């Protein structure tokens, strides 16, 4: 029996174990920003990873957020993922891990706890893990504020990066991602009595309404650039003219030039009401992942899928960002979407197809096996040129 077929058989033999581990991991709540929950989840994953990699992780805690790093001197491939989720503590009580036929649901089951389970299953199939690095971070969902430098440092030490974020519902891998920016716009007004002398105040709610309309006009749908006002807070009591309003703004685009354009325009916004003021925080968080960074790895994944007797996965462009944006921007070959086959991320219908977990673990194992034993760098990466 060929090595690829052995990998597939061995992965399928682990199907029950993978399902059990998925339930255990989903049931270990790890909401972004909650240090105690993240610490408990990190403990669980440290044990799993140590058992398959035969070495303990470095536990790196930054601003209370834990990250797990299994580093090797000759790091030919880096497996990258995150264990934080968007779901607040207590979600599990109302929405527990559930399996109905082939479909598993629960908070974080797709994004990206199934990917972590598949990652460790793939590592368990490796004969030699001495060239494989693993990094699991605890703050990807909140912008990778404390982990970004760690992600970039480990990517620079690696020949290639494989990201175990979920694939598409049809199993496509992610070869390109939009970049993203995040802003916090604060409107400064002046408080007054809303009934006695509303004219004496500067209404921050009215001013922020003007700014919401102005911000929306910065979008360029034809170029795939969205500029979306999201969270908003304003005012204190119902009988007080609001002196402050705070607006969150989410920006996504396929090109760095568009992100830079929107950044310039946001910073040029002017107040519409006399005596109102504006201040800004934030900026470009992740530049786009361009397809050049994934093309060679995608072809390799398709070849390995054929050897495994699987349908070769196609590549697709994803609107959402991930830590793959950081690694690709460094010129390091990066392939994303190697996690669970599912959908509904960040929504109550989040799910993963558990039938496909063994085949995806086998594909990841075969790809890691090949990268760990065969030199691989794209021309672009060798030149060290960042993507445009």
Protein backbone atom coordinates (compact mmCIF):
# COMPACT_ATOMS: atom_id res chain seq x y z
CA UNK A 1 0.00 0.00 0.00
CA UNK A 2 1.38 3.45 -0.92
CA UNK A 3 2.20 6.03 1.75
CA UNK A 4 -0.76 8.31 0.78
CA UNK A 5 -3.23 5.43 1.00
CA UNK A 6 -1.77 4.44 4.37
CA UNK A 7 -2.32 8.00 5.58
CA UNK A 8 -5.92 7.98 4.44
CA UNK A 9 -6.62 4.61 6.04
CA UNK A 10 -4.96 5.69 9.28
CA UNK A 11 -6.93 8.96 9.34
CA UNK A 12 -10.22 7.16 8.78
CA UNK A 13 -9.30 4.82 11.63
CA UNK A 14 -9.17 7.90 13.88
CA UNK A 15 -12.64 9.18 12.93
CA UNK A 16 -14.27 8.28 16.26
CA UNK A 17 -11.41 9.79 18.24
CA UNK A 18 -11.58 12.99 16.19
CA UNK A 19 -15.31 13.32 16.82
CA UNK A 20 -14.81 12.80 20.56
CA UNK A 21 -12.06 15.41 20.62
CA UNK A 22 -14.16 17.86 18.66
CA UNK A 23 -16.91 17.57 21.25
CA UNK A 24 -14.41 18.03 24.07
CA UNK A 25 -12.81 21.08 22.46
CA UNK A 26 -16.09 22.79 21.54
CA UNK A 27 -17.32 22.16 25.08
CA UNK A 28 -14.24 23.95 26.42
CA UNK A 29 -15.43 27.53 25.89
CA UNK A 30 -12.70 29.95 24.79
CA UNK A 31 -14.26 33.35 24.13
CA UNK A 32 -11.92 36.00 22.76
CA UNK A 33 -10.77 38.32 25.53
CA UNK A 34 -11.56 36.01 28.44
CA UNK A 35 -8.14 35.09 29.87
CA UNK A 36 -9.42 32.42 32.31
CA UNK A 37 -11.34 30.53 29.62
CA UNK A 38 -8.47 30.81 27.14
CA UNK A 39 -6.02 29.48 29.75
CA UNK A 40 -8.13 26.36 30.35
CA UNK A 41 -8.41 25.71 26.61
CA UNK A 42 -4.66 26.24 26.19
CA UNK A 43 -4.04 23.60 28.89
CA UNK A 44 -6.14 21.09 26.97
CA UNK A 45 -4.41 21.78 23.67
CA UNK A 46 -0.94 21.75 25.21
CA UNK A 47 -1.56 18.17 26.29
CA UNK A 48 -2.85 17.08 22.89
CA UNK A 49 0.00 18.75 21.04
CA UNK A 50 2.68 17.49 23.36
CA UNK A 51 1.50 13.91 22.86
CA UNK A 52 1.75 14.00 19.05
CA UNK A 53 4.78 16.27 18.67
CA UNK A 54 6.73 14.61 21.50
CA UNK A 55 7.75 17.96 22.93
CA UNK A 56 6.15 20.51 25.20
CA UNK A 57 5.04 23.87 23.83
CA UNK A 58 6.32 27.25 24.85
CA UNK A 59 3.40 28.95 26.54
CA UNK A 60 3.62 32.63 25.69
CA UNK A 61 1.28 34.95 27.59
CA UNK A 62 0.87 38.53 26.40
CA UNK A 63 -1.55 40.89 28.13
CA UNK A 64 -3.12 37.85 29.73
CA UNK A 65 -3.70 36.05 26.39
CA UNK A 66 -2.03 32.62 26.07
CA UNK A 67 -0.42 31.35 22.87
CA UNK A 68 1.09 27.90 22.29
CA UNK A 69 4.25 27.47 20.21
CA UNK A 70 5.96 24.24 19.25
CA UNK A 71 9.14 25.56 17.59
CA UNK A 72 11.87 23.60 15.82
CA UNK A 73 15.32 24.73 14.63
CA UNK A 74 14.85 23.68 10.99
CA UNK A 75 11.21 24.75 10.55
CA UNK A 76 10.27 23.66 7.05
CA UNK A 77 6.54 24.06 7.55
CA UNK A 78 4.46 25.98 10.09
CA UNK A 79 0.93 24.87 11.00
CA UNK A 80 -1.04 27.89 12.14
CA UNK A 81 -4.38 28.26 13.91
CA UNK A 82 -6.25 29.92 16.76
CA UNK A 83 -8.36 28.58 19.61
CA UNK A 84 -10.31 31.69 20.59
CA UNK A 85 -13.89 32.05 19.32
CA UNK A 86 -16.35 34.90 18.87
CA UNK A 87 -18.87 33.31 21.24
CA UNK A 88 -19.23 34.77 24.76
CA UNK A 89 -18.97 32.64 27.88
CA UNK A 90 -22.25 30.89 28.63
CA UNK A 91 -23.18 30.31 24.98
CA UNK A 92 -22.62 26.58 25.44
CA UNK A 93 -25.45 26.32 27.99
CA UNK A 94 -27.95 27.45 25.36
CA UNK A 95 -26.22 25.91 22.36
CA UNK A 96 -24.27 22.75 23.27
CA UNK A 97 -22.16 20.66 20.96
CA UNK A 98 -24.54 18.47 18.96
CA UNK A 99 -24.10 15.86 16.23
CA UNK A 100 -26.97 15.06 13.91
CA UNK A 101 -25.89 12.54 11.30
CA UNK A 102 -22.87 14.01 9.55
CA UNK A 103 -23.37 17.55 10.87
CA UNK A 104 -21.85 18.83 14.10
CA UNK A 105 -22.87 22.20 15.51
CA UNK A 106 -21.80 24.31 18.45
CA UNK A 107 -19.89 27.52 19.22
CA UNK A 108 -16.59 27.50 17.35
CA UNK A 109 -17.11 24.06 15.80
CA UNK A 110 -16.18 25.35 12.34
CA UNK A 111 -14.11 28.43 13.21
CA UNK A 112 -11.87 26.81 14.01
CA UNK A 113 -11.94 23.98 16.51
CA UNK A 114 -12.50 21.29 13.90
CA UNK A 115 -9.35 22.55 12.17
CA UNK A 116 -7.34 22.13 15.36
CA UNK A 117 -8.63 18.58 15.85
CA UNK A 118 -7.72 17.73 12.25
CA UNK A 119 -4.30 19.36 12.71
CA UNK A 120 -3.41 17.16 15.66
CA UNK A 121 -4.78 14.08 13.90
CA UNK A 122 -2.55 14.87 10.91
CA UNK A 123 0.46 15.33 13.17
CA UNK A 124 -0.23 11.97 14.81
CA UNK A 125 0.23 10.40 11.36
CA UNK A 126 3.71 11.88 10.87
CA UNK A 127 6.70 9.59 11.19
CA UNK A 128 8.97 12.56 11.95
CA UNK A 129 7.84 15.90 13.39
CA UNK A 130 11.31 17.42 13.75
CA UNK A 131 10.79 19.85 10.85
CA UNK A 132 7.23 20.89 11.73
CA UNK A 133 6.38 23.96 13.78
CA UNK A 134 2.96 24.63 15.26
CA UNK A 135 1.52 27.90 16.53
CA UNK A 136 -1.93 28.20 18.11
CA UNK A 137 -2.90 31.73 19.13
CA UNK A 138 -5.53 33.03 21.51
CA UNK A 139 -6.56 36.36 20.00
CA UNK A 140 -7.13 35.98 16.24
CA UNK A 141 -10.82 36.81 16.54
CA UNK A 142 -10.00 40.10 18.27
CA UNK A 143 -7.43 41.20 15.68
CA UNK A 144 -4.28 39.25 16.67
CA UNK A 145 -3.10 42.26 18.65
CA UNK A 146 -0.76 40.31 20.95
CA UNK A 147 0.06 37.46 18.57
CA UNK A 148 0.81 39.23 15.30
CA UNK A 149 4.54 39.65 15.94
CA UNK A 150 4.72 35.99 17.00
CA UNK A 151 2.91 34.83 13.84
CA UNK A 152 5.22 36.91 11.65
CA UNK A 153 8.39 35.76 13.42
CA UNK A 154 7.50 32.09 13.04
CA UNK A 155 6.47 32.55 9.41
CA UNK A 156 9.85 34.10 8.62
CA UNK A 157 11.52 30.99 10.03
CA UNK A 158 9.45 28.68 7.83
CA UNK A 159 9.51 27.63 4.19
CA UNK A 160 5.73 27.47 4.01
CA UNK A 161 2.69 28.13 6.22
CA UNK A 162 -0.45 26.00 6.29
CA UNK A 163 -3.43 27.63 7.99
CA UNK A 164 -6.13 25.38 9.43
CA UNK A 165 -9.00 27.85 9.22
CA UNK A 166 -12.17 26.29 7.77
CA UNK A 167 -12.56 25.62 4.07
CA UNK A 168 -15.71 26.59 2.20
CA UNK A 169 -18.86 24.43 2.58
CA UNK A 170 -17.93 22.66 -0.65
CA UNK A 171 -14.35 22.03 0.48
CA UNK A 172 -12.45 24.68 -1.47
CA UNK A 173 -9.14 25.89 -0.06
CA UNK A 174 -8.53 29.61 0.40
CA UNK A 175 -5.83 31.07 -1.80
CA UNK A 176 -6.65 34.76 -1.39
CA UNK A 177 -8.29 36.86 1.30
CA UNK A 178 -9.43 40.41 1.59
CA UNK A 179 -7.42 42.70 3.79
CA UNK A 180 -9.13 44.55 6.60
CA UNK A 181 -9.01 47.74 8.61
CA UNK A 182 -10.72 48.65 11.86
CA UNK A 183 -11.44 52.13 13.17
CA UNK A 184 -12.94 53.71 16.25
CA UNK A 185 -14.40 57.13 15.53
CA UNK A 186 -15.20 59.24 18.58
CA UNK A 187 -17.50 62.26 18.24
CA UNK A 188 -17.02 64.98 20.84
CA UNK A 189 -20.04 67.18 21.49
CA UNK A 190 -21.33 69.18 24.43
CA UNK A 191 -23.93 68.10 26.94
CA UNK A 192 -26.97 70.16 27.89
CA UNK A 193 -30.50 69.63 29.19
CA UNK A 194 -32.53 68.10 26.37
CA UNK A 195 -35.74 69.80 27.52
CA UNK A 196 -34.64 73.09 28.98
CA UNK A 197 -31.88 74.19 26.60
CA UNK A 198 -31.16 71.67 23.86
CA UNK A 199 -29.78 74.51 21.74
CA UNK A 200 -26.91 74.95 24.22
CA UNK A 201 -25.53 71.52 23.51
CA UNK A 202 -23.69 69.94 20.59
CA UNK A 203 -25.51 66.70 19.87
CA UNK A 204 -22.99 63.88 19.34
CA UNK A 205 -25.76 61.54 18.18
CA UNK A 206 -26.72 63.87 15.34
CA UNK A 207 -23.07 64.35 14.40
CA UNK A 208 -22.36 60.62 14.35
CA UNK A 209 -25.39 60.14 12.09
CA UNK A 210 -23.77 62.49 9.57
CA UNK A 211 -20.50 60.54 9.88
CA UNK A 212 -22.21 57.18 9.33
CA UNK A 213 -23.56 58.41 6.00
CA UNK A 214 -20.17 59.87 5.06
CA UNK A 215 -18.36 56.66 5.92
CA UNK A 216 -20.72 54.54 3.84
CA UNK A 217 -19.93 56.70 0.82
CA UNK A 218 -16.27 55.66 0.99
CA UNK A 219 -17.12 52.12 -0.13
CA UNK A 220 -16.35 51.01 -3.69
CA UNK A 221 -18.52 47.92 -4.37
CA UNK A 222 -17.30 47.62 -7.97
CA UNK A 223 -13.76 47.16 -6.64
CA UNK A 224 -14.88 44.86 -3.83
CA UNK A 225 -14.27 47.44 -1.10
CA UNK A 226 -16.74 47.57 1.75
CA UNK A 227 -16.83 50.25 4.45
CA UNK A 228 -19.33 49.27 7.12
CA UNK A 229 -20.37 51.19 10.25
CA UNK A 230 -20.92 48.55 12.93
CA UNK A 231 -21.07 49.03 16.72
CA UNK A 232 -22.40 52.38 17.94
CA UNK A 233 -22.81 53.94 21.37
CA UNK A 234 -24.01 57.41 22.25
CA UNK A 235 -25.46 59.40 25.10
CA UNK A 236 -26.04 58.81 28.78
CA UNK A 237 -29.64 59.62 29.77
CA UNK A 238 -32.81 60.23 27.80
CA UNK A 239 -33.01 63.88 28.89
CA UNK A 240 -29.41 64.88 28.14
CA UNK A 241 -28.01 66.08 24.82
CA UNK A 242 -25.24 63.51 24.16
CA UNK A 243 -21.72 64.87 24.50
CA UNK A 244 -20.01 61.75 23.12
CA UNK A 245 -20.63 59.04 20.54
CA UNK A 246 -18.36 56.18 19.50
CA UNK A 247 -18.63 54.39 16.15
CA UNK A 248 -16.77 51.25 15.00
CA UNK A 249 -15.98 50.99 11.29
CA UNK A 250 -15.05 47.80 9.42
CA UNK A 251 -13.23 48.05 6.07
CA UNK A 252 -12.48 45.15 3.70
CA UNK A 253 -10.80 45.12 0.29
CA UNK A 254 -8.95 42.89 -2.16
CA UNK A 255 -6.09 45.38 -2.60
CA UNK A 256 -3.75 47.23 -0.31
CA UNK A 257 -4.18 50.35 -2.43
CA UNK A 258 -7.89 50.44 -1.63
CA UNK A 259 -7.26 49.99 2.09
CA UNK A 260 -4.81 52.89 1.95
CA UNK A 261 -7.31 55.04 0.03
CA UNK A 262 -10.04 54.48 2.59
CA UNK A 263 -7.58 55.12 5.41
CA UNK A 264 -6.70 58.52 3.96
CA UNK A 265 -10.33 59.45 3.42
CA UNK A 266 -11.45 58.44 6.91
CA UNK A 267 -8.76 60.60 8.45
CA UNK A 268 -9.97 63.55 6.36
CA UNK A 269 -13.53 63.41 7.69
CA UNK A 270 -14.71 66.72 9.12
CA UNK A 271 -17.48 67.44 11.66
CA UNK A 272 -20.74 68.79 10.27
CA UNK A 273 -22.07 70.51 13.40
CA UNK A 274 -20.46 73.72 14.74
CA UNK A 275 -18.19 73.02 17.74
CA UNK A 276 -18.30 69.23 17.25
CA UNK A 277 -15.01 67.37 17.16
CA UNK A 278 -13.77 64.05 15.79
CA UNK A 279 -10.94 61.78 16.84
CA UNK A 280 -9.80 58.49 15.33
CA UNK A 281 -8.11 55.29 16.46
CA UNK A 282 -7.12 52.26 14.40
CA UNK A 283 -6.03 51.71 10.83
CA UNK A 284 -5.09 48.92 8.46
CA UNK A 285 -4.95 45.66 10.40
CA UNK A 286 -4.25 43.09 7.68
CA UNK A 287 -3.24 43.65 4.07
CA UNK A 288 -4.74 41.18 1.55
CA UNK A 289 -3.46 37.65 1.02
CA UNK A 290 -2.78 37.46 -2.71
CA UNK A 291 -3.10 34.29 -4.76
CA UNK A 292 0.59 34.31 -5.76
CA UNK A 293 1.42 33.17 -2.23
CA UNK A 294 -0.75 30.06 -2.48
CA UNK A 295 -0.54 28.97 -6.10
CA UNK A 296 2.30 26.46 -5.72
CA UNK A 297 0.92 25.05 -2.46
CA UNK A 298 -2.54 24.64 -3.96
CA UNK A 299 -1.14 22.63 -6.84
CA UNK A 300 0.78 20.50 -4.37
CA UNK A 301 -2.39 19.93 -2.32
CA UNK A 302 -4.28 18.90 -5.45
CA UNK A 303 -1.54 16.42 -6.36
CA UNK A 304 -1.58 14.93 -2.87
CA UNK A 305 -5.39 14.67 -2.95
CA UNK A 306 -5.17 12.62 -6.14
CA UNK A 307 -2.64 10.31 -4.52
CA UNK A 308 -5.02 9.89 -1.59
CA UNK A 309 -7.88 9.01 -3.93
CA UNK A 310 -9.73 12.23 -3.12
CA UNK A 311 -11.29 14.85 -5.35
CA UNK A 312 -8.61 17.54 -5.79
CA UNK A 313 -9.77 20.72 -4.00
CA UNK A 314 -10.17 23.96 -5.90
CA UNK A 315 -8.93 27.30 -4.62
CA UNK A 316 -11.16 30.24 -3.89
CA UNK A 317 -11.05 33.85 -2.75
CA UNK A 318 -12.46 34.58 0.72
CA UNK A 319 -13.82 37.93 1.85
CA UNK A 320 -12.84 37.42 5.48
CA UNK A 321 -9.31 37.91 6.80
CA UNK A 322 -7.16 35.56 8.87
CA UNK A 323 -3.58 35.32 10.12
CA UNK A 324 -2.73 34.04 6.63
CA UNK A 325 -2.86 37.69 5.58
CA UNK A 326 0.14 38.38 7.83
CA UNK A 327 2.23 35.45 6.63
CA UNK A 328 1.47 35.98 2.95
CA UNK A 329 2.36 39.66 3.24
CA UNK A 330 5.87 38.60 4.27
CA UNK A 331 6.34 36.72 1.00
CA UNK A 332 6.09 33.31 2.69
CA UNK A 333 4.13 30.70 0.69
CA UNK A 334 0.79 30.35 2.49
CA UNK A 335 -2.24 28.14 1.95
CA UNK A 336 -5.39 28.67 4.01
CA UNK A 337 -8.67 26.79 4.47
CA UNK A 338 -7.14 23.44 5.44
CA UNK A 339 -9.48 23.04 8.42
CA UNK A 340 -13.00 21.73 8.73
CA UNK A 341 -15.41 21.56 5.81
CA UNK A 342 -18.37 23.58 7.00
CA UNK A 343 -19.93 27.00 7.18
CA UNK A 344 -21.91 29.52 9.20
CA UNK A 345 -18.87 30.87 11.02
CA UNK A 346 -19.81 33.54 13.59
CA UNK A 347 -23.48 32.62 13.21
CA UNK A 348 -25.93 30.39 15.08
CA UNK A 349 -25.98 27.96 12.17
CA UNK A 350 -22.23 27.29 12.39
CA UNK A 351 -21.53 23.68 11.45
CA UNK A 352 -18.92 21.21 10.24
CA UNK A 353 -19.30 18.02 8.19
CA UNK A 354 -17.70 15.39 10.43
CA UNK A 355 -17.64 12.80 7.64
CA UNK A 356 -14.96 14.81 5.89
CA UNK A 357 -12.70 15.33 8.89
CA UNK A 358 -10.63 12.16 8.30
CA UNK A 359 -10.01 12.90 4.63
CA UNK A 360 -9.00 16.47 5.42
CA UNK A 361 -6.67 15.27 8.17
CA UNK A 362 -5.11 12.86 5.65
CA UNK A 363 -4.70 15.63 3.08
CA UNK A 364 -3.02 17.88 5.64
CA UNK A 365 -0.77 15.02 6.73
CA UNK A 366 0.28 14.28 3.15
CA UNK A 367 0.95 17.96 2.44
CA UNK A 368 2.99 18.37 5.63
CA UNK A 369 4.88 15.18 4.86
CA UNK A 370 5.83 16.48 1.42
CA UNK A 371 6.79 19.97 2.61
CA UNK A 372 8.90 18.59 5.44
CA UNK A 373 10.95 16.43 3.07
CA UNK A 374 11.00 18.50 -0.16
CA UNK A 375 12.45 22.02 -0.54
CA UNK A 376 9.73 24.47 -1.50
CA UNK A 377 9.88 28.23 -2.05
CA UNK A 378 8.09 30.31 -4.63
CA UNK A 379 10.06 32.71 -6.83
CA UNK A 380 8.30 35.60 -5.15
CA UNK A 381 9.22 34.34 -1.69
CA UNK A 382 12.89 33.82 -2.67
CA UNK A 383 13.08 37.42 -3.82
CA UNK A 384 11.58 38.51 -0.51
CA UNK A 385 9.13 40.80 -2.25
CA UNK A 386 5.91 41.52 -0.36
CA UNK A 387 2.69 41.25 -2.32
CA UNK A 388 1.27 44.41 -3.79
